[in-house]
Amino acid sequence: MTLVTKLVISLVKSMADSSHREQVIGLLVKLNERQITIFKHLKRIDGRLDQLNGKVAEHESNLIQIKTWGAMGLIALPIIVNLIMRIL
């Protein structure tokens, strides 16, 4: 091979390597942007889950109160009816 041919081949390889490097850098930038977007979405989802968990805890305490009042009513109502029937 002549010296010119060797120079042309090395120049083509160099251009191919730099082109490949640019493509890899471009893909890494896109990946980084996607990761940032994904982490932002995860942060919003976590915030929403925290809100929902708070609501669930509130609903559970409300259900406990309702069950407690219901149990008290089931015990107290027959006693009250029995006392009223005895008076009449």
C-alpha atoms as a PDB file:
ATOM      1  CA  MET A   1       0.000   0.000   0.000  1.00  0.00           C
ATOM      2  CA  THR A   2       1.098   3.465  -0.674  1.00  0.00           C
ATOM      3  CA  LEU A   3       1.457   6.152   1.910  1.00  0.00           C
ATOM      4  CA  VAL A   4      -1.550   8.065   0.556  1.00  0.00           C
ATOM      5  CA  THR A   5      -3.758   4.962   0.802  1.00  0.00           C
ATOM      6  CA  LYS A   6      -2.669   4.406   4.397  1.00  0.00           C
ATOM      7  CA  LEU A   7      -3.446   8.034   5.232  1.00  0.00           C
ATOM      8  CA  VAL A   8      -6.886   7.804   3.626  1.00  0.00           C
ATOM      9  CA  ILE A   9      -7.681   4.574   5.489  1.00  0.00           C
ATOM     10  CA  SER A  10      -6.559   6.035   8.820  1.00  0.00           C
ATOM     11  CA  LEU A  11      -8.572   9.216   8.136  1.00  0.00           C
ATOM     12  CA  VAL A  12     -11.715   7.156   7.366  1.00  0.00           C
ATOM     13  CA  LYS A  13     -11.225   5.107  10.568  1.00  0.00           C
ATOM     14  CA  SER A  14     -10.729   8.295  12.564  1.00  0.00           C
ATOM     15  CA  MET A  15     -13.922   9.790  11.133  1.00  0.00           C
ATOM     16  CA  ALA A  16     -15.810   6.579  11.835  1.00  0.00           C
ATOM     17  CA  ASP A  17     -14.559   6.553  15.438  1.00  0.00           C
ATOM     18  CA  SER A  18     -15.515  10.190  16.003  1.00  0.00           C
ATOM     19  CA  SER A  19     -18.908   9.593  14.396  1.00  0.00           C
ATOM     20  CA  HIS A  20     -19.414   6.572  16.627  1.00  0.00           C
ATOM     21  CA  ARG A  21     -18.346   8.620  19.661  1.00  0.00           C
ATOM     22  CA  GLU A  22     -20.832  11.337  18.766  1.00  0.00           C
ATOM     23  CA  GLN A  23     -23.607   8.775  18.386  1.00  0.00           C
ATOM     24  CA  VAL A  24     -22.772   7.210  21.749  1.00  0.00           C
ATOM     25  CA  ILE A  25     -22.675  10.620  23.435  1.00  0.00           C
ATOM     26  CA  GLY A  26     -26.015  11.492  21.837  1.00  0.00           C
ATOM     27  CA  LEU A  27     -27.559   8.268  23.100  1.00  0.00           C
ATOM     28  CA  LEU A  28     -26.159   8.837  26.588  1.00  0.00           C
ATOM     29  CA  VAL A  29     -27.641  12.339  26.661  1.00  0.00           C
ATOM     30  CA  LYS A  30     -31.047  10.962  25.634  1.00  0.00           C
ATOM     31  CA  LEU A  31     -30.766   8.268  28.304  1.00  0.00           C
ATOM     32  CA  ASN A  32     -29.908  10.862  30.926  1.00  0.00           C
ATOM     33  CA  GLU A  33     -32.907  13.003  29.925  1.00  0.00           C
ATOM     34  CA  ARG A  34     -35.190   9.981  30.096  1.00  0.00           C
ATOM     35  CA  GLN A  35     -33.865   9.087  33.547  1.00  0.00           C
ATOM     36  CA  ILE A  36     -34.562  12.607  34.771  1.00  0.00           C
ATOM     37  CA  THR A  37     -38.097  12.389  33.382  1.00  0.00           C
ATOM     38  CA  ILE A  38     -38.648   8.985  34.972  1.00  0.00           C
ATOM     39  CA  PHE A  39     -37.413  10.224  38.349  1.00  0.00           C
ATOM     40  CA  LYS A  40     -39.735  13.244  38.148  1.00  0.00           C
ATOM     41  CA  HIS A  41     -42.667  10.932  37.417  1.00  0.00           C
ATOM     42  CA  LEU A  42     -41.685   8.668  40.317  1.00  0.00           C
ATOM     43  CA  LYS A  43     -41.526  11.668  42.638  1.00  0.00           C
ATOM     44  CA  ARG A  44     -45.049  12.726  41.615  1.00  0.00           C
ATOM     45  CA  ILE A  45     -46.310   9.161  42.043  1.00  0.00           C
ATOM     46  CA  ASP A  46     -44.752   8.947  45.517  1.00  0.00           C
ATOM     47  CA  GLY A  47     -46.409  12.214  46.500  1.00  0.00           C
ATOM     48  CA  ARG A  48     -49.762  10.980  45.266  1.00  0.00           C
ATOM     49  CA  LEU A  49     -49.343   7.675  47.117  1.00  0.00           C
ATOM     50  CA  ASP A  50     -48.580   9.568  50.322  1.00  0.00           C
ATOM     51  CA  GLN A  51     -51.829  11.512  49.895  1.00  0.00           C
ATOM     52  CA  LEU A  52     -53.788   8.327  49.250  1.00  0.00           C
ATOM     53  CA  ASN A  53     -52.209   6.567  52.234  1.00  0.00           C
ATOM     54  CA  GLY A  54     -53.292   9.469  54.425  1.00  0.00           C
ATOM     55  CA  LYS A  55     -56.837   9.204  53.119  1.00  0.00           C
ATOM     56  CA  VAL A  56     -56.858   5.440  53.672  1.00  0.00           C
ATOM     57  CA  ALA A  57     -55.740   5.914  57.283  1.00  0.00           C
ATOM     58  CA  GLU A  58     -58.496   8.500  57.798  1.00  0.00           C
ATOM     59  CA  HIS A  59     -61.122   6.163  56.317  1.00  0.00           C
ATOM     60  CA  GLU A  60     -59.948   3.305  58.516  1.00  0.00           C
ATOM     61  CA  SER A  61     -60.314   5.445  61.636  1.00  0.00           C
ATOM     62  CA  ASN A  62     -63.806   6.485  60.474  1.00  0.00           C
ATOM     63  CA  LEU A  63     -64.755   2.824  59.992  1.00  0.00           C
ATOM     64  CA  ILE A  64     -63.508   2.001  63.485  1.00  0.00           C
ATOM     65  CA  GLN A  65     -65.670   4.806  64.906  1.00  0.00           C
ATOM     66  CA  ILE A  66     -68.722   3.582  62.987  1.00  0.00           C
ATOM     67  CA  LYS A  67     -68.192   0.001  64.159  1.00  0.00           C
ATOM     68  CA  THR A  68     -67.765   1.181  67.745  1.00  0.00           C
ATOM     69  CA  TRP A  69     -70.982   3.219  67.685  1.00  0.00           C
ATOM     70  CA  GLY A  70     -72.769   0.309  66.010  1.00  0.00           C
ATOM     71  CA  ALA A  71     -71.605  -2.137  68.658  1.00  0.00           C
ATOM     72  CA  MET A  72     -72.680   0.249  71.401  1.00  0.00           C
ATOM     73  CA  GLY A  73     -76.064   0.616  69.713  1.00  0.00           C
ATOM     74  CA  LEU A  74     -76.484  -3.148  69.443  1.00  0.00           C
ATOM     75  CA  ILE A  75     -75.839  -3.508  73.163  1.00  0.00           C
ATOM     76  CA  ALA A  76     -77.690  -0.436  74.412  1.00  0.00           C
ATOM     77  CA  LEU A  77     -80.799  -0.506  72.193  1.00  0.00           C
ATOM     78  CA  PRO A  78     -82.193  -3.856  73.422  1.00  0.00           C
ATOM     79  CA  ILE A  79     -81.591  -2.786  77.027  1.00  0.00           C
ATOM     80  CA  ILE A  80     -83.428   0.487  76.463  1.00  0.00           C
ATOM     81  CA  VAL A  81     -86.328  -1.265  74.702  1.00  0.00           C
ATOM     82  CA  ASN A  82     -86.527  -3.800  77.551  1.00  0.00           C
ATOM     83  CA  LEU A  83     -86.627  -1.037  80.172  1.00  0.00           C
ATOM     84  CA  ILE A  84     -89.335   0.823  78.252  1.00  0.00           C
ATOM     85  CA  MET A  85     -91.399  -2.369  77.914  1.00  0.00           C
ATOM     86  CA  ARG A  86     -91.138  -2.989  81.663  1.00  0.00           C
ATOM     87  CA  ILE A  87     -92.323   0.523  82.443  1.00  0.00           C
ATOM     88  CA  LEU A  88     -95.322   0.194  80.140  1.00  0.00           C
END
